[in-house]
Amino acid sequence: MSDILNRLAETLEARKSADPQSSYVAKLYAKGLDSILKKVGEEAAETIIAAKGTDAGQVVYEVADLWFHTLILLAQQGLHPDDVLNELARREGLSGIAEKASRPKE
């Protein structure tokens, strides 16, 4: 699975220097963080709506859109999918209660 994430991360990184007129992702980067966050929020809402329905294919489609836009956000922030995968690996085997208790206090 990380092969596709790595390929997508490379493509998204390359789009940072692409012409916004020729690339949807480059256009999002050019519009800035707020536009990227808006798309992540829209895709999250669409995922929720799809999950309330009965079409599993639609859920997969919307989650793919959500993940894609989240990957754009990661790239915009200078992060890589491996950063998230490493965090998930760190949490593996921890109970949710123990993981939450291990977080720094804000």
PDB file of N, CA and C in Angstrom:
ATOM      1  N   MET A   1       0.820  -1.195   0.000  1.00  0.00           N
ATOM      2  CA  MET A   1       0.000   0.000   0.000  1.00  0.00           C
ATOM      3  C   MET A   1       0.862   1.257   0.000  1.00  0.00           C
ATOM      4  N   SER A   2       1.972   1.254   0.687  1.00  0.00           N
ATOM      5  CA  SER A   2       2.758   2.477   0.744  1.00  0.00           C
ATOM      6  C   SER A   2       3.374   2.828  -0.608  1.00  0.00           C
ATOM      7  N   ASP A   3       3.416   1.856  -1.559  1.00  0.00           N
ATOM      8  CA  ASP A   3       3.916   2.174  -2.895  1.00  0.00           C
ATOM      9  C   ASP A   3       3.056   3.244  -3.557  1.00  0.00           C
ATOM     10  N   ILE A   4       1.749   3.074  -3.511  1.00  0.00           N
ATOM     11  CA  ILE A   4       0.859   4.066  -4.120  1.00  0.00           C
ATOM     12  C   ILE A   4       0.956   5.387  -3.376  1.00  0.00           C
ATOM     13  N   LEU A   5       1.076   5.338  -2.056  1.00  0.00           N
ATOM     14  CA  LEU A   5       1.215   6.581  -1.294  1.00  0.00           C
ATOM     15  C   LEU A   5       2.510   7.294  -1.663  1.00  0.00           C
ATOM     16  N   ASN A   6       3.586   6.542  -1.831  1.00  0.00           N
ATOM     17  CA  ASN A   6       4.852   7.159  -2.224  1.00  0.00           C
ATOM     18  C   ASN A   6       4.771   7.762  -3.621  1.00  0.00           C
ATOM     19  N   ARG A   7       4.137   7.048  -4.553  1.00  0.00           N
ATOM     20  CA  ARG A   7       3.990   7.593  -5.909  1.00  0.00           C
ATOM     21  C   ARG A   7       3.129   8.855  -5.899  1.00  0.00           C
ATOM     22  N   LEU A   8       2.046   8.821  -5.141  1.00  0.00           N
ATOM     23  CA  LEU A   8       1.200  10.016  -5.036  1.00  0.00           C
ATOM     24  C   LEU A   8       1.961  11.166  -4.386  1.00  0.00           C
ATOM     25  N   ALA A   9       2.727  10.877  -3.342  1.00  0.00           N
ATOM     26  CA  ALA A   9       3.510  11.928  -2.675  1.00  0.00           C
ATOM     27  C   ALA A   9       4.492  12.559  -3.648  1.00  0.00           C
ATOM     28  N   GLU A  10       5.144  11.749  -4.477  1.00  0.00           N
ATOM     29  CA  GLU A  10       6.074  12.282  -5.477  1.00  0.00           C
ATOM     30  C   GLU A  10       5.350  13.168  -6.488  1.00  0.00           C
ATOM     31  N   THR A  11       4.204  12.709  -6.951  1.00  0.00           N
ATOM     32  CA  THR A  11       3.421  13.490  -7.913  1.00  0.00           C
ATOM     33  C   THR A  11       2.961  14.801  -7.299  1.00  0.00           C
ATOM     34  N   LEU A  12       2.460  14.736  -6.068  1.00  0.00           N
ATOM     35  CA  LEU A  12       1.980  15.954  -5.414  1.00  0.00           C
ATOM     36  C   LEU A  12       3.113  16.932  -5.166  1.00  0.00           C
ATOM     37  N   GLU A  13       4.283  16.426  -4.842  1.00  0.00           N
ATOM     38  CA  GLU A  13       5.451  17.298  -4.659  1.00  0.00           C
ATOM     39  C   GLU A  13       5.818  17.973  -5.977  1.00  0.00           C
ATOM     40  N   ALA A  14       5.776  17.224  -7.068  1.00  0.00           N
ATOM     41  CA  ALA A  14       6.091  17.777  -8.384  1.00  0.00           C
ATOM     42  C   ALA A  14       5.084  18.845  -8.799  1.00  0.00           C
ATOM     43  N   ARG A  15       3.850  18.686  -8.376  1.00  0.00           N
ATOM     44  CA  ARG A  15       2.805  19.658  -8.748  1.00  0.00           C
ATOM     45  C   ARG A  15       3.020  21.025  -8.085  1.00  0.00           C
ATOM     46  N   LYS A  16       3.847  21.073  -7.056  1.00  0.00           N
ATOM     47  CA  LYS A  16       4.118  22.362  -6.405  1.00  0.00           C
ATOM     48  C   LYS A  16       4.734  23.357  -7.378  1.00  0.00           C
ATOM     49  N   SER A  17       5.479  22.864  -8.358  1.00  0.00           N
ATOM     50  CA  SER A  17       6.125  23.757  -9.321  1.00  0.00           C
ATOM     51  C   SER A  17       5.420  23.758 -10.674  1.00  0.00           C
ATOM     52  N   ALA A  18       4.266  23.114 -10.759  1.00  0.00           N
ATOM     53  CA  ALA A  18       3.512  23.058 -12.009  1.00  0.00           C
ATOM     54  C   ALA A  18       2.704  24.337 -12.207  1.00  0.00           C
ATOM     55  N   ASP A  19       2.318  24.561 -13.443  1.00  0.00           N
ATOM     56  CA  ASP A  19       1.480  25.699 -13.803  1.00  0.00           C
ATOM     57  C   ASP A  19       0.065  25.473 -13.267  1.00  0.00           C
ATOM     58  N   PRO A  20      -0.448  26.389 -12.453  1.00  0.00           N
ATOM     59  CA  PRO A  20      -1.804  26.229 -11.916  1.00  0.00           C
ATOM     60  C   PRO A  20      -2.887  26.125 -12.994  1.00  0.00           C
ATOM     61  N   GLN A  21      -2.582  26.602 -14.198  1.00  0.00           N
ATOM     62  CA  GLN A  21      -3.556  26.486 -15.291  1.00  0.00           C
ATOM     63  C   GLN A  21      -3.605  25.077 -15.868  1.00  0.00           C
ATOM     64  N   SER A  22      -2.576  24.275 -15.569  1.00  0.00           N
ATOM     65  CA  SER A  22      -2.508  22.944 -16.166  1.00  0.00           C
ATOM     66  C   SER A  22      -2.719  21.820 -15.153  1.00  0.00           C
ATOM     67  N   SER A  23      -2.860  22.159 -13.869  1.00  0.00           N
ATOM     68  CA  SER A  23      -2.952  21.119 -12.845  1.00  0.00           C
ATOM     69  C   SER A  23      -3.903  21.551 -11.737  1.00  0.00           C
ATOM     70  N   TYR A  24      -4.872  20.680 -11.451  1.00  0.00           N
ATOM     71  CA  TYR A  24      -5.802  20.936 -10.347  1.00  0.00           C
ATOM     72  C   TYR A  24      -5.050  21.093  -9.034  1.00  0.00           C
ATOM     73  N   VAL A  25      -4.082  20.204  -8.783  1.00  0.00           N
ATOM     74  CA  VAL A  25      -3.328  20.242  -7.535  1.00  0.00           C
ATOM     75  C   VAL A  25      -2.492  21.518  -7.456  1.00  0.00           C
ATOM     76  N   ALA A  26      -1.839  21.891  -8.553  1.00  0.00           N
ATOM     77  CA  ALA A  26      -1.052  23.128  -8.577  1.00  0.00           C
ATOM     78  C   ALA A  26      -1.951  24.331  -8.303  1.00  0.00           C
ATOM     79  N   LYS A  27      -3.160  24.288  -8.816  1.00  0.00           N
ATOM     80  CA  LYS A  27      -4.111  25.380  -8.571  1.00  0.00           C
ATOM     81  C   LYS A  27      -4.476  25.456  -7.089  1.00  0.00           C
ATOM     82  N   LEU A  28      -4.666  24.303  -6.454  1.00  0.00           N
ATOM     83  CA  LEU A  28      -4.949  24.295  -5.015  1.00  0.00           C
ATOM     84  C   LEU A  28      -3.772  24.873  -4.231  1.00  0.00           C
ATOM     85  N   TYR A  29      -2.548  24.437  -4.567  1.00  0.00           N
ATOM     86  CA  TYR A  29      -1.364  24.993  -3.903  1.00  0.00           C
ATOM     87  C   TYR A  29      -1.310  26.506  -4.077  1.00  0.00           C
ATOM     88  N   ALA A  30      -1.586  26.977  -5.275  1.00  0.00           N
ATOM     89  CA  ALA A  30      -1.517  28.419  -5.554  1.00  0.00           C
ATOM     90  C   ALA A  30      -2.558  29.198  -4.757  1.00  0.00           C
ATOM     91  N   LYS A  31      -3.701  28.600  -4.532  1.00  0.00           N
ATOM     92  CA  LYS A  31      -4.757  29.264  -3.759  1.00  0.00           C
ATOM     93  C   LYS A  31      -4.431  29.315  -2.275  1.00  0.00           C
ATOM     94  N   GLY A  32      -3.575  28.392  -1.807  1.00  0.00           N
ATOM     95  CA  GLY A  32      -3.116  28.442  -0.430  1.00  0.00           C
ATOM     96  C   GLY A  32      -3.810  27.483   0.512  1.00  0.00           C
ATOM     97  N   LEU A  33      -3.348  27.540   1.751  1.00  0.00           N
ATOM     98  CA  LEU A  33      -3.787  26.609   2.787  1.00  0.00           C
ATOM     99  C   LEU A  33      -5.297  26.624   3.004  1.00  0.00           C
ATOM    100  N   ASP A  34      -5.909  27.793   3.051  1.00  0.00           N
ATOM    101  CA  ASP A  34      -7.348  27.846   3.321  1.00  0.00           C
ATOM    102  C   ASP A  34      -8.145  27.079   2.275  1.00  0.00           C
ATOM    103  N   SER A  35      -7.749  27.174   1.006  1.00  0.00           N
ATOM    104  CA  SER A  35      -8.455  26.437  -0.045  1.00  0.00           C
ATOM    105  C   SER A  35      -8.255  24.941   0.092  1.00  0.00           C
ATOM    106  N   ILE A  36      -7.058  24.534   0.466  1.00  0.00           N
ATOM    107  CA  ILE A  36      -6.789  23.110   0.677  1.00  0.00           C
ATOM    108  C   ILE A  36      -7.625  22.600   1.851  1.00  0.00           C
ATOM    109  N   LEU A  37      -7.655  23.351   2.931  1.00  0.00           N
ATOM    110  CA  LEU A  37      -8.443  22.953   4.103  1.00  0.00           C
ATOM    111  C   LEU A  37      -9.934  22.881   3.777  1.00  0.00           C
ATOM    112  N   LYS A  38     -10.407  23.813   2.977  1.00  0.00           N
ATOM    113  CA  LYS A  38     -11.813  23.800   2.571  1.00  0.00           C
ATOM    114  C   LYS A  38     -12.125  22.522   1.807  1.00  0.00           C
ATOM    115  N   LYS A  39     -11.236  22.108   0.897  1.00  0.00           N
ATOM    116  CA  LYS A  39     -11.450  20.876   0.144  1.00  0.00           C
ATOM    117  C   LYS A  39     -11.425  19.660   1.066  1.00  0.00           C
ATOM    118  N   VAL A  40     -10.511  19.626   2.025  1.00  0.00           N
ATOM    119  CA  VAL A  40     -10.471  18.503   2.971  1.00  0.00           C
ATOM    120  C   VAL A  40     -11.798  18.441   3.736  1.00  0.00           C
ATOM    121  N   GLY A  41     -12.282  19.590   4.174  1.00  0.00           N
ATOM    122  CA  GLY A  41     -13.563  19.631   4.887  1.00  0.00           C
ATOM    123  C   GLY A  41     -14.724  19.173   4.019  1.00  0.00           C
ATOM    124  N   GLU A  42     -14.759  19.629   2.771  1.00  0.00           N
ATOM    125  CA  GLU A  42     -15.819  19.210   1.856  1.00  0.00           C
ATOM    126  C   GLU A  42     -15.786  17.701   1.642  1.00  0.00           C
ATOM    127  N   GLU A  43     -14.591  17.172   1.443  1.00  0.00           N
ATOM    128  CA  GLU A  43     -14.475  15.734   1.201  1.00  0.00           C
ATOM    129  C   GLU A  43     -14.830  14.932   2.452  1.00  0.00           C
ATOM    130  N   ALA A  44     -14.504  15.453   3.626  1.00  0.00           N
ATOM    131  CA  ALA A  44     -14.890  14.780   4.865  1.00  0.00           C
ATOM    132  C   ALA A  44     -16.411  14.735   4.991  1.00  0.00           C
ATOM    133  N   ALA A  45     -17.068  15.852   4.680  1.00  0.00           N
ATOM    134  CA  ALA A  45     -18.534  15.890   4.746  1.00  0.00           C
ATOM    135  C   ALA A  45     -19.149  14.922   3.739  1.00  0.00           C
ATOM    136  N   GLU A  46     -18.594  14.859   2.527  1.00  0.00           N
ATOM    137  CA  GLU A  46     -19.109  13.942   1.515  1.00  0.00           C
ATOM    138  C   GLU A  46     -18.898  12.488   1.935  1.00  0.00           C
ATOM    139  N   THR A  47     -17.806  12.221   2.632  1.00  0.00           N
ATOM    140  CA  THR A  47     -17.553  10.874   3.139  1.00  0.00           C
ATOM    141  C   THR A  47     -18.601  10.498   4.186  1.00  0.00           C
ATOM    142  N   ILE A  48     -18.903  11.423   5.059  1.00  0.00           N
ATOM    143  CA  ILE A  48     -19.922  11.174   6.088  1.00  0.00           C
ATOM    144  C   ILE A  48     -21.270  10.886   5.444  1.00  0.00           C
ATOM    145  N   ILE A  49     -21.647  11.688   4.468  1.00  0.00           N
ATOM    146  CA  ILE A  49     -22.930  11.496   3.782  1.00  0.00           C
ATOM    147  C   ILE A  49     -22.970  10.141   3.092  1.00  0.00           C
ATOM    148  N   ALA A  50     -21.869   9.790   2.415  1.00  0.00           N
ATOM    149  CA  ALA A  50     -21.817   8.491   1.734  1.00  0.00           C
ATOM    150  C   ALA A  50     -21.930   7.337   2.729  1.00  0.00           C
ATOM    151  N   ALA A  51     -21.288   7.479   3.879  1.00  0.00           N
ATOM    152  CA  ALA A  51     -21.320   6.414   4.883  1.00  0.00           C
ATOM    153  C   ALA A  51     -22.716   6.209   5.456  1.00  0.00           C
ATOM    154  N   LYS A  52     -23.538   7.239   5.414  1.00  0.00           N
ATOM    155  CA  LYS A  52     -24.917   7.122   5.899  1.00  0.00           C
ATOM    156  C   LYS A  52     -25.806   6.401   4.892  1.00  0.00           C
ATOM    157  N   GLY A  53     -25.313   6.245   3.672  1.00  0.00           N
ATOM    158  CA  GLY A  53     -26.083   5.569   2.632  1.00  0.00           C
ATOM    159  C   GLY A  53     -25.813   4.075   2.627  1.00  0.00           C
ATOM    160  N   THR A  54     -26.212   3.442   1.536  1.00  0.00           N
ATOM    161  CA  THR A  54     -26.088   1.980   1.444  1.00  0.00           C
ATOM    162  C   THR A  54     -25.122   1.534   0.358  1.00  0.00           C
ATOM    163  N   ASP A  55     -24.482   2.470  -0.322  1.00  0.00           N
ATOM    164  CA  ASP A  55     -23.607   2.146  -1.445  1.00  0.00           C
ATOM    165  C   ASP A  55     -22.150   2.115  -0.995  1.00  0.00           C
ATOM    166  N   ALA A  56     -21.617   0.927  -0.781  1.00  0.00           N
ATOM    167  CA  ALA A  56     -20.231   0.783  -0.327  1.00  0.00           C
ATOM    168  C   ALA A  56     -19.255   1.383  -1.330  1.00  0.00           C
ATOM    169  N   GLY A  57     -19.549   1.265  -2.605  1.00  0.00           N
ATOM    170  CA  GLY A  57     -18.684   1.842  -3.634  1.00  0.00           C
ATOM    171  C   GLY A  57     -18.579   3.354  -3.497  1.00  0.00           C
ATOM    172  N   GLN A  58     -19.668   3.994  -3.140  1.00  0.00           N
ATOM    173  CA  GLN A  58     -19.658   5.447  -2.954  1.00  0.00           C
ATOM    174  C   GLN A  58     -18.811   5.825  -1.747  1.00  0.00           C
ATOM    175  N   VAL A  59     -18.845   5.020  -0.699  1.00  0.00           N
ATOM    176  CA  VAL A  59     -18.003   5.272   0.474  1.00  0.00           C
ATOM    177  C   VAL A  59     -16.532   5.199   0.067  1.00  0.00           C
ATOM    178  N   VAL A  60     -16.170   4.162  -0.670  1.00  0.00           N
ATOM    179  CA  VAL A  60     -14.783   4.011  -1.126  1.00  0.00           C
ATOM    180  C   VAL A  60     -14.378   5.203  -1.984  1.00  0.00           C
ATOM    181  N   TYR A  61     -15.233   5.616  -2.896  1.00  0.00           N
ATOM    182  CA  TYR A  61     -14.959   6.759  -3.771  1.00  0.00           C
ATOM    183  C   TYR A  61     -14.710   8.027  -2.965  1.00  0.00           C
ATOM    184  N   GLU A  62     -15.566   8.293  -1.998  1.00  0.00           N
ATOM    185  CA  GLU A  62     -15.441   9.516  -1.204  1.00  0.00           C
ATOM    186  C   GLU A  62     -14.229   9.467  -0.269  1.00  0.00           C
ATOM    187  N   VAL A  63     -13.943   8.297   0.298  1.00  0.00           N
ATOM    188  CA  VAL A  63     -12.754   8.176   1.150  1.00  0.00           C
ATOM    189  C   VAL A  63     -11.502   8.389   0.299  1.00  0.00           C
ATOM    190  N   ALA A  64     -11.502   7.883  -0.930  1.00  0.00           N
ATOM    191  CA  ALA A  64     -10.361   8.121  -1.821  1.00  0.00           C
ATOM    192  C   ALA A  64     -10.172   9.617  -2.063  1.00  0.00           C
ATOM    193  N   ASP A  65     -11.260  10.342  -2.295  1.00  0.00           N
ATOM    194  CA  ASP A  65     -11.171  11.800  -2.455  1.00  0.00           C
ATOM    195  C   ASP A  65     -10.641  12.459  -1.187  1.00  0.00           C
ATOM    196  N   LEU A  66     -11.128  12.010  -0.032  1.00  0.00           N
ATOM    197  CA  LEU A  66     -10.681  12.570   1.246  1.00  0.00           C
ATOM    198  C   LEU A  66      -9.197  12.308   1.454  1.00  0.00           C
ATOM    199  N   TRP A  67      -8.774  11.084   1.227  1.00  0.00           N
ATOM    200  CA  TRP A  67      -7.354  10.754   1.386  1.00  0.00           C
ATOM    201  C   TRP A  67      -6.505  11.580   0.426  1.00  0.00           C
ATOM    202  N   PHE A  68      -6.945  11.697  -0.823  1.00  0.00           N
ATOM    203  CA  PHE A  68      -6.189  12.452  -1.821  1.00  0.00           C
ATOM    204  C   PHE A  68      -5.992  13.895  -1.369  1.00  0.00           C
ATOM    205  N   HIS A  69      -7.053  14.524  -0.939  1.00  0.00           N
ATOM    206  CA  HIS A  69      -6.939  15.922  -0.520  1.00  0.00           C
ATOM    207  C   HIS A  69      -6.150  16.060   0.779  1.00  0.00           C
ATOM    208  N   THR A  70      -6.214  15.051   1.630  1.00  0.00           N
ATOM    209  CA  THR A  70      -5.395  15.049   2.836  1.00  0.00           C
ATOM    210  C   THR A  70      -3.917  14.911   2.475  1.00  0.00           C
ATOM    211  N   LEU A  71      -3.618  14.115   1.449  1.00  0.00           N
ATOM    212  CA  LEU A  71      -2.235  14.005   0.973  1.00  0.00           C
ATOM    213  C   LEU A  71      -1.735  15.339   0.417  1.00  0.00           C
ATOM    214  N   ILE A  72      -2.608  16.082  -0.248  1.00  0.00           N
ATOM    215  CA  ILE A  72      -2.239  17.424  -0.718  1.00  0.00           C
ATOM    216  C   ILE A  72      -1.905  18.306   0.476  1.00  0.00           C
ATOM    217  N   LEU A  73      -2.719  18.241   1.515  1.00  0.00           N
ATOM    218  CA  LEU A  73      -2.461  19.011   2.729  1.00  0.00           C
ATOM    219  C   LEU A  73      -1.112  18.636   3.335  1.00  0.00           C
ATOM    220  N   LEU A  74      -0.845  17.343   3.444  1.00  0.00           N
ATOM    221  CA  LEU A  74       0.444  16.914   3.992  1.00  0.00           C
ATOM    222  C   LEU A  74       1.596  17.494   3.181  1.00  0.00           C
ATOM    223  N   ALA A  75       1.517  17.382   1.866  1.00  0.00           N
ATOM    224  CA  ALA A  75       2.591  17.895   1.006  1.00  0.00           C
ATOM    225  C   ALA A  75       2.747  19.400   1.172  1.00  0.00           C
ATOM    226  N   GLN A  76       1.635  20.111   1.257  1.00  0.00           N
ATOM    227  CA  GLN A  76       1.690  21.566   1.422  1.00  0.00           C
ATOM    228  C   GLN A  76       2.394  21.926   2.725  1.00  0.00           C
ATOM    229  N   GLN A  77       2.243  21.073   3.731  1.00  0.00           N
ATOM    230  CA  GLN A  77       2.836  21.313   5.037  1.00  0.00           C
ATOM    231  C   GLN A  77       4.267  20.768   5.135  1.00  0.00           C
ATOM    232  N   GLY A  78       4.784  20.218   4.038  1.00  0.00           N
ATOM    233  CA  GLY A  78       6.131  19.667   4.043  1.00  0.00           C
ATOM    234  C   GLY A  78       6.216  18.300   4.704  1.00  0.00           C
ATOM    235  N   LEU A  79       5.097  17.605   4.758  1.00  0.00           N
ATOM    236  CA  LEU A  79       5.039  16.280   5.385  1.00  0.00           C
ATOM    237  C   LEU A  79       4.852  15.207   4.317  1.00  0.00           C
ATOM    238  N   HIS A  80       5.093  13.971   4.692  1.00  0.00           N
ATOM    239  CA  HIS A  80       5.010  12.831   3.781  1.00  0.00           C
ATOM    240  C   HIS A  80       4.044  11.810   4.379  1.00  0.00           C
ATOM    241  N   PRO A  81       3.397  11.008   3.554  1.00  0.00           N
ATOM    242  CA  PRO A  81       2.518   9.971   4.103  1.00  0.00           C
ATOM    243  C   PRO A  81       3.219   9.068   5.121  1.00  0.00           C
ATOM    244  N   ASP A  82       4.512   8.861   4.954  1.00  0.00           N
ATOM    245  CA  ASP A  82       5.253   8.045   5.926  1.00  0.00           C
ATOM    246  C   ASP A  82       5.189   8.629   7.330  1.00  0.00           C
ATOM    247  N   ASP A  83       5.088   9.950   7.444  1.00  0.00           N
ATOM    248  CA  ASP A  83       4.969  10.568   8.768  1.00  0.00           C
ATOM    249  C   ASP A  83       3.707  10.075   9.467  1.00  0.00           C
ATOM    250  N   VAL A  84       2.623   9.972   8.730  1.00  0.00           N
ATOM    251  CA  VAL A  84       1.359   9.490   9.292  1.00  0.00           C
ATOM    252  C   VAL A  84       1.441   7.988   9.557  1.00  0.00           C
ATOM    253  N   LEU A  85       2.011   7.242   8.619  1.00  0.00           N
ATOM    254  CA  LEU A  85       2.144   5.806   8.812  1.00  0.00           C
ATOM    255  C   LEU A  85       3.009   5.492  10.026  1.00  0.00           C
ATOM    256  N   ASN A  86       4.060   6.266  10.227  1.00  0.00           N
ATOM    257  CA  ASN A  86       4.912   6.062  11.403  1.00  0.00           C
ATOM    258  C   ASN A  86       4.153   6.353  12.695  1.00  0.00           C
ATOM    259  N   GLU A  87       3.308   7.370  12.664  1.00  0.00           N
ATOM    260  CA  GLU A  87       2.497   7.676  13.850  1.00  0.00           C
ATOM    261  C   GLU A  87       1.497   6.552  14.124  1.00  0.00           C
ATOM    262  N   LEU A  88       0.893   6.024  13.071  1.00  0.00           N
ATOM    263  CA  LEU A  88      -0.027   4.897  13.257  1.00  0.00           C
ATOM    264  C   LEU A  88       0.708   3.680  13.805  1.00  0.00           C
ATOM    265  N   ALA A  89       1.910   3.442  13.313  1.00  0.00           N
ATOM    266  CA  ALA A  89       2.710   2.322  13.815  1.00  0.00           C
ATOM    267  C   ALA A  89       3.046   2.526  15.293  1.00  0.00           C
ATOM    268  N   ARG A  90       3.332   3.777  15.656  1.00  0.00           N
ATOM    269  CA  ARG A  90       3.641   4.078  17.057  1.00  0.00           C
ATOM    270  C   ARG A  90       2.444   3.767  17.948  1.00  0.00           C
ATOM    271  N   ARG A  91       1.263   4.028  17.452  1.00  0.00           N
ATOM    272  CA  ARG A  91       0.045   3.821  18.240  1.00  0.00           C
ATOM    273  C   ARG A  91      -0.437   2.376  18.249  1.00  0.00           C
ATOM    274  N   GLU A  92       0.049   1.571  17.311  1.00  0.00           N
ATOM    275  CA  GLU A  92      -0.418   0.198  17.195  1.00  0.00           C
ATOM    276  C   GLU A  92      -0.231  -0.542  18.514  1.00  0.00           C
ATOM    277  N   GLY A  93      -1.268  -1.190  18.943  1.00  0.00           N
ATOM    278  CA  GLY A  93      -1.199  -1.958  20.174  1.00  0.00           C
ATOM    279  C   GLY A  93      -1.530  -1.157  21.417  1.00  0.00           C
ATOM    280  N   LEU A  94      -1.623   0.157  21.300  1.00  0.00           N
ATOM    281  CA  LEU A  94      -2.016   0.987  22.440  1.00  0.00           C
ATOM    282  C   LEU A  94      -3.532   1.066  22.496  1.00  0.00           C
ATOM    283  N   SER A  95      -4.067   1.070  23.664  1.00  0.00           N
ATOM    284  CA  SER A  95      -5.502   1.332  23.755  1.00  0.00           C
ATOM    285  C   SER A  95      -5.719   2.809  23.461  1.00  0.00           C
ATOM    286  N   GLY A  96      -6.875   3.142  22.988  1.00  0.00           N
ATOM    287  CA  GLY A  96      -7.187   4.537  22.707  1.00  0.00           C
ATOM    288  C   GLY A  96      -7.067   5.412  23.939  1.00  0.00           C
ATOM    289  N   ILE A  97      -7.436   4.876  25.074  1.00  0.00           N
ATOM    290  CA  ILE A  97      -7.354   5.626  26.332  1.00  0.00           C
ATOM    291  C   ILE A  97      -5.894   5.885  26.690  1.00  0.00           C
ATOM    292  N   ALA A  98      -5.051   4.863  26.558  1.00  0.00           N
ATOM    293  CA  ALA A  98      -3.624   5.033  26.882  1.00  0.00           C
ATOM    294  C   ALA A  98      -2.971   5.988  25.902  1.00  0.00           C
ATOM    295  N   GLU A  99      -3.319   5.895  24.623  1.00  0.00           N
ATOM    296  CA  GLU A  99      -2.717   6.793  23.624  1.00  0.00           C
ATOM    297  C   GLU A  99      -3.078   8.234  23.924  1.00  0.00           C
ATOM    298  N   LYS A 100      -4.339   8.475  24.217  1.00  0.00           N
ATOM    299  CA  LYS A 100      -4.774   9.838  24.509  1.00  0.00           C
ATOM    300  C   LYS A 100      -4.090  10.374  25.759  1.00  0.00           C
ATOM    301  N   ALA A 101      -3.903   9.538  26.771  1.00  0.00           N
ATOM    302  CA  ALA A 101      -3.249   9.957  28.000  1.00  0.00           C
ATOM    303  C   ALA A 101      -1.764  10.272  27.775  1.00  0.00           C
ATOM    304  N   SER A 102      -1.168   9.680  26.719  1.00  0.00           N
ATOM    305  CA  SER A 102       0.259   9.913  26.459  1.00  0.00           C
ATOM    306  C   SER A 102       0.521  11.223  25.717  1.00  0.00           C
ATOM    307  N   ARG A 103      -0.531  11.878  25.243  1.00  0.00           N
ATOM    308  CA  ARG A 103      -0.361  13.127  24.492  1.00  0.00           C
ATOM    309  C   ARG A 103       0.053  14.258  25.438  1.00  0.00           C
ATOM    310  N   PRO A 104       0.876  15.171  24.917  1.00  0.00           N
ATOM    311  CA  PRO A 104       1.227  16.332  25.741  1.00  0.00           C
ATOM    312  C   PRO A 104      -0.014  17.168  26.070  1.00  0.00           C
ATOM    313  N   LYS A 105      -0.060  17.711  27.237  1.00  0.00           N
ATOM    314  CA  LYS A 105      -1.188  18.570  27.640  1.00  0.00           C
ATOM    315  C   LYS A 105      -1.086  19.888  26.911  1.00  0.00           C
ATOM    316  N   GLU A 106      -2.230  20.379  26.430  1.00  0.00           N
ATOM    317  CA  GLU A 106      -2.243  21.662  25.699  1.00  0.00           C
ATOM    318  C   GLU A 106      -2.544  22.807  26.613  1.00  0.00           C
TER     319      GLU A 106
END
